[in-house]
PDB file of N, CA and C in Angstrom:
ATOM      1  N   UNK A   1      24.175  32.654 -32.532  1.00  0.00           N
ATOM      2  CA  UNK A   1      23.883  31.115 -32.411  1.00  0.00           C
ATOM      3  C   UNK A   1      24.177  30.927 -30.817  1.00  0.00           C
ATOM      4  N   UNK A   2      23.724  30.187 -30.215  1.00  0.00           N
ATOM      5  CA  UNK A   2      23.845  30.099 -28.873  1.00  0.00           C
ATOM      6  C   UNK A   2      24.756  29.175 -28.635  1.00  0.00           C
ATOM      7  N   UNK A   3      25.643  29.232 -27.699  1.00  0.00           N
ATOM      8  CA  UNK A   3      26.986  28.902 -27.263  1.00  0.00           C
ATOM      9  C   UNK A   3      26.665  27.560 -26.225  1.00  0.00           C
ATOM     10  N   UNK A   4      27.106  26.627 -26.122  1.00  0.00           N
ATOM     11  CA  UNK A   4      26.473  25.694 -25.105  1.00  0.00           C
ATOM     12  C   UNK A   4      27.093  26.029 -23.823  1.00  0.00           C
ATOM     13  N   UNK A   5      26.406  25.653 -22.615  1.00  0.00           N
ATOM     14  CA  UNK A   5      27.028  26.029 -21.459  1.00  0.00           C
ATOM     15  C   UNK A   5      28.042  24.895 -21.115  1.00  0.00           C
ATOM     16  N   UNK A   6      28.982  25.262 -19.946  1.00  0.00           N
ATOM     17  CA  UNK A   6      29.753  24.368 -19.661  1.00  0.00           C
ATOM     18  C   UNK A   6      28.956  23.488 -18.612  1.00  0.00           C
ATOM     19  N   UNK A   7      29.425  22.242 -18.700  1.00  0.00           N
ATOM     20  CA  UNK A   7      28.598  21.337 -17.757  1.00  0.00           C
ATOM     21  C   UNK A   7      29.102  21.403 -16.313  1.00  0.00           C
ATOM     22  N   UNK A   8      27.972  21.593 -15.557  1.00  0.00           N
ATOM     23  CA  UNK A   8      28.165  21.815 -13.986  1.00  0.00           C
ATOM     24  C   UNK A   8      28.678  20.344 -13.478  1.00  0.00           C
ATOM     25  N   UNK A   9      29.335  20.445 -12.395  1.00  0.00           N
ATOM     26  CA  UNK A   9      29.556  19.067 -12.060  1.00  0.00           C
ATOM     27  C   UNK A   9      28.557  19.106 -10.421  1.00  0.00           C
ATOM     28  N   UNK A  10      27.559  18.472 -10.878  1.00  0.00           N
ATOM     29  CA  UNK A  10      26.935  18.063  -9.762  1.00  0.00           C
ATOM     30  C   UNK A  10      27.060  16.875  -9.171  1.00  0.00           C
ATOM     31  N   UNK A  11      26.683  16.676  -7.849  1.00  0.00           N
ATOM     32  CA  UNK A  11      26.824  15.237  -7.456  1.00  0.00           C
ATOM     33  C   UNK A  11      25.400  14.558  -7.777  1.00  0.00           C
ATOM     34  N   UNK A  12      25.486  13.405  -8.208  1.00  0.00           N
ATOM     35  CA  UNK A  12      24.381  12.515  -8.759  1.00  0.00           C
ATOM     36  C   UNK A  12      23.660  12.156  -7.599  1.00  0.00           C
ATOM     37  N   UNK A  13      22.141  12.456  -7.555  1.00  0.00           N
ATOM     38  CA  UNK A  13      21.488  12.386  -6.390  1.00  0.00           C
ATOM     39  C   UNK A  13      20.426  10.954  -7.040  1.00  0.00           C
ATOM     40  N   UNK A  14      20.570   9.955  -5.764  1.00  0.00           N
ATOM     41  CA  UNK A  14      19.761   9.048  -6.110  1.00  0.00           C
ATOM     42  C   UNK A  14      18.092   9.215  -6.039  1.00  0.00           C
ATOM     43  N   UNK A  15      17.552   8.729  -7.556  1.00  0.00           N
ATOM     44  CA  UNK A  15      16.082   8.815  -7.823  1.00  0.00           C
ATOM     45  C   UNK A  15      15.436   8.335  -6.430  1.00  0.00           C
ATOM     46  N   UNK A  16      14.509   9.647  -6.034  1.00  0.00           N
ATOM     47  CA  UNK A  16      13.636   8.920  -4.967  1.00  0.00           C
ATOM     48  C   UNK A  16      12.411   8.599  -5.654  1.00  0.00           C
ATOM     49  N   UNK A  17      11.339   7.337  -5.041  1.00  0.00           N
ATOM     50  CA  UNK A  17      10.259   7.117  -5.753  1.00  0.00           C
ATOM     51  C   UNK A  17       8.982   8.223  -5.171  1.00  0.00           C
ATOM     52  N   UNK A  18       8.251   8.594  -5.571  1.00  0.00           N
ATOM     53  CA  UNK A  18       7.119   9.437  -5.591  1.00  0.00           C
ATOM     54  C   UNK A  18       6.219   8.373  -4.452  1.00  0.00           C
ATOM     55  N   UNK A  19       6.057   9.246  -3.333  1.00  0.00           N
ATOM     56  CA  UNK A  19       5.341   8.509  -2.429  1.00  0.00           C
ATOM     57  C   UNK A  19       3.560   8.135  -2.928  1.00  0.00           C
ATOM     58  N   UNK A  20       3.201   9.109  -3.673  1.00  0.00           N
ATOM     59  CA  UNK A  20       2.152   8.845  -4.252  1.00  0.00           C
ATOM     60  C   UNK A  20       1.886   7.414  -4.979  1.00  0.00           C
ATOM     61  N   UNK A  21       2.874   7.429  -5.856  1.00  0.00           N
ATOM     62  CA  UNK A  21       2.932   6.375  -6.721  1.00  0.00           C
ATOM     63  C   UNK A  21       3.064   4.768  -6.060  1.00  0.00           C
ATOM     64  N   UNK A  22       4.154   5.164  -4.920  1.00  0.00           N
ATOM     65  CA  UNK A  22       4.189   3.998  -4.200  1.00  0.00           C
ATOM     66  C   UNK A  22       2.919   3.441  -3.161  1.00  0.00           C
ATOM     67  N   UNK A  23       2.259   4.514  -2.877  1.00  0.00           N
ATOM     68  CA  UNK A  23       0.725   3.878  -2.130  1.00  0.00           C
ATOM     69  C   UNK A  23      -0.381   3.444  -3.119  1.00  0.00           C
ATOM     70  N   UNK A  24      -0.338   4.153  -4.557  1.00  0.00           N
ATOM     71  CA  UNK A  24      -1.112   3.725  -5.102  1.00  0.00           C
ATOM     72  C   UNK A  24      -0.801   2.359  -5.804  1.00  0.00           C
ATOM     73  N   UNK A  25       0.489   2.011  -5.828  1.00  0.00           N
ATOM     74  CA  UNK A  25       0.889   0.604  -6.422  1.00  0.00           C
ATOM     75  C   UNK A  25       0.460  -0.394  -5.052  1.00  0.00           C
ATOM     76  N   UNK A  26       0.737   0.056  -4.029  1.00  0.00           N
ATOM     77  CA  UNK A  26       0.182  -0.921  -2.927  1.00  0.00           C
ATOM     78  C   UNK A  26      -1.371  -1.025  -2.871  1.00  0.00           C
ATOM     79  N   UNK A  27      -2.150  -0.004  -3.119  1.00  0.00           N
ATOM     80  CA  UNK A  27      -3.208  -0.413  -3.146  1.00  0.00           C
ATOM     81  C   UNK A  27      -3.842  -1.126  -4.283  1.00  0.00           C
ATOM     82  N   UNK A  28      -3.106  -0.977  -5.696  1.00  0.00           N
ATOM     83  CA  UNK A  28      -3.436  -2.085  -6.712  1.00  0.00           C
ATOM     84  C   UNK A  28      -2.761  -3.289  -6.239  1.00  0.00           C
ATOM     85  N   UNK A  29      -1.796  -3.600  -5.809  1.00  0.00           N
ATOM     86  CA  UNK A  29      -1.658  -4.659  -5.396  1.00  0.00           C
ATOM     87  C   UNK A  29      -2.661  -5.465  -4.666  1.00  0.00           C
ATOM     88  N   UNK A  30      -3.300  -4.758  -3.811  1.00  0.00           N
ATOM     89  CA  UNK A  30      -4.175  -5.462  -2.904  1.00  0.00           C
ATOM     90  C   UNK A  30      -5.511  -5.640  -4.005  1.00  0.00           C
ATOM     91  N   UNK A  31      -5.583  -4.440  -4.749  1.00  0.00           N
ATOM     92  CA  UNK A  31      -6.764  -4.949  -5.499  1.00  0.00           C
ATOM     93  C   UNK A  31      -6.739  -6.137  -6.535  1.00  0.00           C
ATOM     94  N   UNK A  32      -5.560  -6.392  -6.896  1.00  0.00           N
ATOM     95  CA  UNK A  32      -5.157  -7.718  -7.521  1.00  0.00           C
ATOM     96  C   UNK A  32      -4.995  -8.914  -6.635  1.00  0.00           C
ATOM     97  N   UNK A  33      -4.455  -8.930  -5.457  1.00  0.00           N
ATOM     98  CA  UNK A  33      -4.874  -9.946  -4.751  1.00  0.00           C
ATOM     99  C   UNK A  33      -6.164 -10.234  -4.647  1.00  0.00           C
ATOM    100  N   UNK A  34      -6.957  -9.378  -4.389  1.00  0.00           N
ATOM    101  CA  UNK A  34      -8.543  -9.573  -4.375  1.00  0.00           C
ATOM    102  C   UNK A  34      -9.223 -10.001  -5.477  1.00  0.00           C
ATOM    103  N   UNK A  35      -8.584  -9.803  -6.482  1.00  0.00           N
ATOM    104  CA  UNK A  35      -9.041 -10.202  -8.067  1.00  0.00           C
ATOM    105  C   UNK A  35      -8.950 -11.687  -7.921  1.00  0.00           C
ATOM    106  N   UNK A  36      -7.687 -11.939  -7.726  1.00  0.00           N
ATOM    107  CA  UNK A  36      -7.189 -13.436  -7.673  1.00  0.00           C
ATOM    108  C   UNK A  36      -8.028 -14.399  -6.508  1.00  0.00           C
ATOM    109  N   UNK A  37      -8.080 -13.948  -5.352  1.00  0.00           N
ATOM    110  CA  UNK A  37      -8.923 -14.705  -4.475  1.00  0.00           C
ATOM    111  C   UNK A  37     -10.328 -14.869  -5.124  1.00  0.00           C
ATOM    112  N   UNK A  38     -11.101 -13.769  -5.880  1.00  0.00           N
ATOM    113  CA  UNK A  38     -12.449 -13.814  -5.994  1.00  0.00           C
ATOM    114  C   UNK A  38     -12.462 -15.087  -7.199  1.00  0.00           C
ATOM    115  N   UNK A  39     -11.299 -14.898  -7.956  1.00  0.00           N
ATOM    116  CA  UNK A  39     -11.292 -15.733  -9.173  1.00  0.00           C
ATOM    117  C   UNK A  39     -11.223 -17.219  -8.709  1.00  0.00           C
ATOM    118  N   UNK A  40     -10.441 -17.578  -7.439  1.00  0.00           N
ATOM    119  CA  UNK A  40     -10.228 -19.055  -7.025  1.00  0.00           C
ATOM    120  C   UNK A  40     -11.612 -19.120  -6.394  1.00  0.00           C
ATOM    121  N   UNK A  41     -12.286 -18.243  -5.590  1.00  0.00           N
ATOM    122  CA  UNK A  41     -13.760 -18.719  -4.855  1.00  0.00           C
ATOM    123  C   UNK A  41     -14.777 -18.925  -6.216  1.00  0.00           C
ATOM    124  N   UNK A  42     -14.533 -18.147  -7.280  1.00  0.00           N
ATOM    125  CA  UNK A  42     -15.738 -18.377  -7.995  1.00  0.00           C
ATOM    126  C   UNK A  42     -15.349 -19.774  -8.912  1.00  0.00           C
ATOM    127  N   UNK A  43     -14.142 -20.318  -9.060  1.00  0.00           N
ATOM    128  CA  UNK A  43     -13.884 -21.381  -9.789  1.00  0.00           C
ATOM    129  C   UNK A  43     -14.225 -22.650  -8.825  1.00  0.00           C
ATOM    130  N   UNK A  44     -13.776 -22.599  -7.841  1.00  0.00           N
ATOM    131  CA  UNK A  44     -13.780 -23.716  -6.904  1.00  0.00           C
ATOM    132  C   UNK A  44     -15.194 -23.918  -6.035  1.00  0.00           C
ATOM    133  N   UNK A  45     -15.823 -23.196  -6.203  1.00  0.00           N
ATOM    134  CA  UNK A  45     -16.781 -23.184  -5.386  1.00  0.00           C
ATOM    135  C   UNK A  45     -18.310 -23.314  -6.369  1.00  0.00           C
ATOM    136  N   UNK A  46     -19.253 -23.921  -6.247  1.00  0.00           N
ATOM    137  CA  UNK A  46     -20.137 -24.442  -7.187  1.00  0.00           C
ATOM    138  C   UNK A  46     -21.515 -23.333  -6.585  1.00  0.00           C
ATOM    139  N   UNK A  47     -21.400 -22.727  -5.712  1.00  0.00           N
ATOM    140  CA  UNK A  47     -22.452 -21.613  -5.305  1.00  0.00           C
ATOM    141  C   UNK A  47     -21.669 -20.243  -5.058  1.00  0.00           C
ATOM    142  N   UNK A  48     -22.783 -19.516  -5.218  1.00  0.00           N
ATOM    143  CA  UNK A  48     -22.194 -17.769  -4.807  1.00  0.00           C
ATOM    144  C   UNK A  48     -22.006 -17.925  -3.560  1.00  0.00           C
ATOM    145  N   UNK A  49     -20.754 -17.708  -3.024  1.00  0.00           N
ATOM    146  CA  UNK A  49     -20.242 -17.725  -1.431  1.00  0.00           C
ATOM    147  C   UNK A  49     -20.637 -16.147  -0.861  1.00  0.00           C
ATOM    148  N   UNK A  50     -20.513 -16.442   0.381  1.00  0.00           N
ATOM    149  CA  UNK A  50     -21.179 -15.183   1.032  1.00  0.00           C
ATOM    150  C   UNK A  50     -19.942 -14.432   1.142  1.00  0.00           C
ATOM    151  N   UNK A  51     -18.663 -14.522   0.814  1.00  0.00           N
ATOM    152  CA  UNK A  51     -17.257 -13.789   0.804  1.00  0.00           C
ATOM    153  C   UNK A  51     -17.486 -13.078  -0.557  1.00  0.00           C
ATOM    154  N   UNK A  52     -18.105 -13.088  -1.688  1.00  0.00           N
ATOM    155  CA  UNK A  52     -17.945 -12.310  -2.770  1.00  0.00           C
ATOM    156  C   UNK A  52     -18.231 -11.208  -2.772  1.00  0.00           C
ATOM    157  N   UNK A  53     -19.406 -10.974  -2.105  1.00  0.00           N
ATOM    158  CA  UNK A  53     -19.632  -9.383  -2.092  1.00  0.00           C
ATOM    159  C   UNK A  53     -18.654  -8.612  -1.177  1.00  0.00           C
ATOM    160  N   UNK A  54     -18.746  -8.981  -0.038  1.00  0.00           N
ATOM    161  CA  UNK A  54     -17.426  -7.949   0.714  1.00  0.00           C
ATOM    162  C   UNK A  54     -16.289  -8.087   0.049  1.00  0.00           C
ATOM    163  N   UNK A  55     -15.746  -9.245  -0.782  1.00  0.00           N
ATOM    164  CA  UNK A  55     -14.427  -9.015  -1.293  1.00  0.00           C
ATOM    165  C   UNK A  55     -14.637  -8.072  -2.671  1.00  0.00           C
ATOM    166  N   UNK A  56     -15.696  -8.233  -3.530  1.00  0.00           N
ATOM    167  CA  UNK A  56     -16.085  -7.039  -4.433  1.00  0.00           C
ATOM    168  C   UNK A  56     -15.829  -5.920  -3.846  1.00  0.00           C
ATOM    169  N   UNK A  57     -16.633  -5.416  -2.896  1.00  0.00           N
ATOM    170  CA  UNK A  57     -16.298  -4.068  -2.303  1.00  0.00           C
ATOM    171  C   UNK A  57     -15.060  -3.749  -2.047  1.00  0.00           C
ATOM    172  N   UNK A  58     -14.362  -4.514  -1.295  1.00  0.00           N
ATOM    173  CA  UNK A  58     -13.055  -4.360  -0.689  1.00  0.00           C
ATOM    174  C   UNK A  58     -11.973  -4.082  -2.092  1.00  0.00           C
ATOM    175  N   UNK A  59     -12.099  -4.865  -3.201  1.00  0.00           N
ATOM    176  CA  UNK A  59     -11.609  -4.785  -4.343  1.00  0.00           C
ATOM    177  C   UNK A  59     -11.755  -3.273  -4.898  1.00  0.00           C
ATOM    178  N   UNK A  60     -12.840  -2.986  -5.312  1.00  0.00           N
ATOM    179  CA  UNK A  60     -13.601  -1.508  -5.654  1.00  0.00           C
ATOM    180  C   UNK A  60     -13.161  -0.491  -4.617  1.00  0.00           C
ATOM    181  N   UNK A  61     -13.035  -0.487  -3.591  1.00  0.00           N
ATOM    182  CA  UNK A  61     -12.452   0.609  -2.327  1.00  0.00           C
ATOM    183  C   UNK A  61     -11.111   0.719  -2.762  1.00  0.00           C
ATOM    184  N   UNK A  62     -10.271  -0.394  -2.939  1.00  0.00           N
ATOM    185  CA  UNK A  62      -8.988  -0.256  -3.117  1.00  0.00           C
ATOM    186  C   UNK A  62      -8.624   0.254  -4.153  1.00  0.00           C
ATOM    187  N   UNK A  63      -8.932  -0.051  -5.385  1.00  0.00           N
ATOM    188  CA  UNK A  63      -8.890   0.677  -6.627  1.00  0.00           C
ATOM    189  C   UNK A  63      -9.134   2.048  -6.806  1.00  0.00           C
ATOM    190  N   UNK A  64     -10.371   2.435  -6.056  1.00  0.00           N
ATOM    191  CA  UNK A  64     -10.995   4.046  -6.171  1.00  0.00           C
ATOM    192  C   UNK A  64      -9.909   4.457  -5.576  1.00  0.00           C
ATOM    193  N   UNK A  65      -9.032   3.940  -4.190  1.00  0.00           N
ATOM    194  CA  UNK A  65      -8.356   4.623  -3.356  1.00  0.00           C
ATOM    195  C   UNK A  65      -7.161   4.979  -4.313  1.00  0.00           C
ATOM    196  N   UNK A  66      -6.600   3.824  -5.131  1.00  0.00           N
ATOM    197  CA  UNK A  66      -5.658   4.159  -6.150  1.00  0.00           C
ATOM    198  C   UNK A  66      -5.767   5.386  -6.761  1.00  0.00           C
ATOM    199  N   UNK A  67      -6.830   5.445  -7.530  1.00  0.00           N
ATOM    200  CA  UNK A  67      -7.247   6.296  -8.398  1.00  0.00           C
ATOM    201  C   UNK A  67      -7.263   7.680  -7.467  1.00  0.00           C
ATOM    202  N   UNK A  68      -8.013   7.659  -6.412  1.00  0.00           N
ATOM    203  CA  UNK A  68      -7.828   8.939  -5.685  1.00  0.00           C
ATOM    204  C   UNK A  68      -6.562   9.307  -5.176  1.00  0.00           C
ATOM    205  N   UNK A  69      -5.681   8.543  -4.820  1.00  0.00           N
ATOM    206  CA  UNK A  69      -4.253   9.253  -4.416  1.00  0.00           C
ATOM    207  C   UNK A  69      -3.510   9.803  -5.789  1.00  0.00           C
ATOM    208  N   UNK A  70      -3.825   9.164  -6.982  1.00  0.00           N
ATOM    209  CA  UNK A  70      -3.032   9.797  -8.110  1.00  0.00           C
ATOM    210  C   UNK A  70      -4.000  11.316  -8.299  1.00  0.00           C
ATOM    211  N   UNK A  71      -5.235  11.279  -8.146  1.00  0.00           N
ATOM    212  CA  UNK A  71      -5.749  12.289  -8.558  1.00  0.00           C
ATOM    213  C   UNK A  71      -5.701  13.323  -7.563  1.00  0.00           C
ATOM    214  N   UNK A  72      -5.412  13.298  -6.228  1.00  0.00           N
ATOM    215  CA  UNK A  72      -4.855  13.991  -5.141  1.00  0.00           C
ATOM    216  C   UNK A  72      -3.451  14.369  -5.322  1.00  0.00           C
ATOM    217  N   UNK A  73      -2.829  13.492  -5.566  1.00  0.00           N
ATOM    218  CA  UNK A  73      -1.005  13.864  -6.024  1.00  0.00           C
ATOM    219  C   UNK A  73      -0.927  15.136  -7.214  1.00  0.00           C
ATOM    220  N   UNK A  74      -2.126  14.665  -8.190  1.00  0.00           N
ATOM    221  CA  UNK A  74      -1.893  15.559  -9.183  1.00  0.00           C
ATOM    222  C   UNK A  74      -2.505  17.200  -8.842  1.00  0.00           C
ATOM    223  N   UNK A  75      -3.519  16.990  -7.907  1.00  0.00           N
ATOM    224  CA  UNK A  75      -4.112  18.081  -7.953  1.00  0.00           C
ATOM    225  C   UNK A  75      -3.040  19.026  -6.932  1.00  0.00           C
ATOM    226  N   UNK A  76      -2.409  18.360  -6.235  1.00  0.00           N
ATOM    227  CA  UNK A  76      -1.181  19.056  -5.118  1.00  0.00           C
ATOM    228  C   UNK A  76      -0.273  19.559  -6.068  1.00  0.00           C
ATOM    229  N   UNK A  77       0.184  18.913  -6.741  1.00  0.00           N
ATOM    230  CA  UNK A  77       1.335  19.342  -8.005  1.00  0.00           C
ATOM    231  C   UNK A  77       1.130  20.601  -8.933  1.00  0.00           C
ATOM    232  N   UNK A  78      -0.601  20.454  -9.083  1.00  0.00           N
ATOM    233  CA  UNK A  78      -0.800  21.580  -9.781  1.00  0.00           C
ATOM    234  C   UNK A  78      -1.214  22.705  -8.982  1.00  0.00           C
ATOM    235  N   UNK A  79      -1.664  22.739  -7.590  1.00  0.00           N
ATOM    236  CA  UNK A  79      -1.773  23.905  -7.152  1.00  0.00           C
ATOM    237  C   UNK A  79      -0.473  24.311  -6.280  1.00  0.00           C
ATOM    238  N   UNK A  80       0.667  23.486  -6.284  1.00  0.00           N
ATOM    239  CA  UNK A  80       1.716  23.963  -5.365  1.00  0.00           C
ATOM    240  C   UNK A  80       2.854  24.630  -6.376  1.00  0.00           C
ATOM    241  N   UNK A  81       3.118  26.149  -6.255  1.00  0.00           N
ATOM    242  CA  UNK A  81       3.852  26.552  -7.457  1.00  0.00           C
ATOM    243  C   UNK A  81       5.631  26.673  -6.983  1.00  0.00           C
ATOM    244  N   UNK A  82       6.124  26.474  -8.124  1.00  0.00           N
ATOM    245  CA  UNK A  82       7.488  26.229  -7.609  1.00  0.00           C
ATOM    246  C   UNK A  82       8.096  24.889  -7.491  1.00  0.00           C
ATOM    247  N   UNK A  83       7.272  23.915  -7.814  1.00  0.00           N
ATOM    248  CA  UNK A  83       7.847  22.152  -7.860  1.00  0.00           C
ATOM    249  C   UNK A  83       7.597  21.829  -8.951  1.00  0.00           C
TER     250      UNK A  83
END
């Protein structure tokens, strides 16, 4: 039977947030603000405003950037040995 190891006295390190997750969260916050602004423009304007198309593409770009950061981070983690 395996014997349990003696616990090592290591100093407790503070958890560091993953930079890729922080950047993705920032992009998603920008996308959420854009969606909220688009909802306000859709409700309180009876015609299609000229700001809707750039706002849509901005929200889409922000969301795709967040997804791209996560895919890039996963690729780097998979290709870097020892981490």
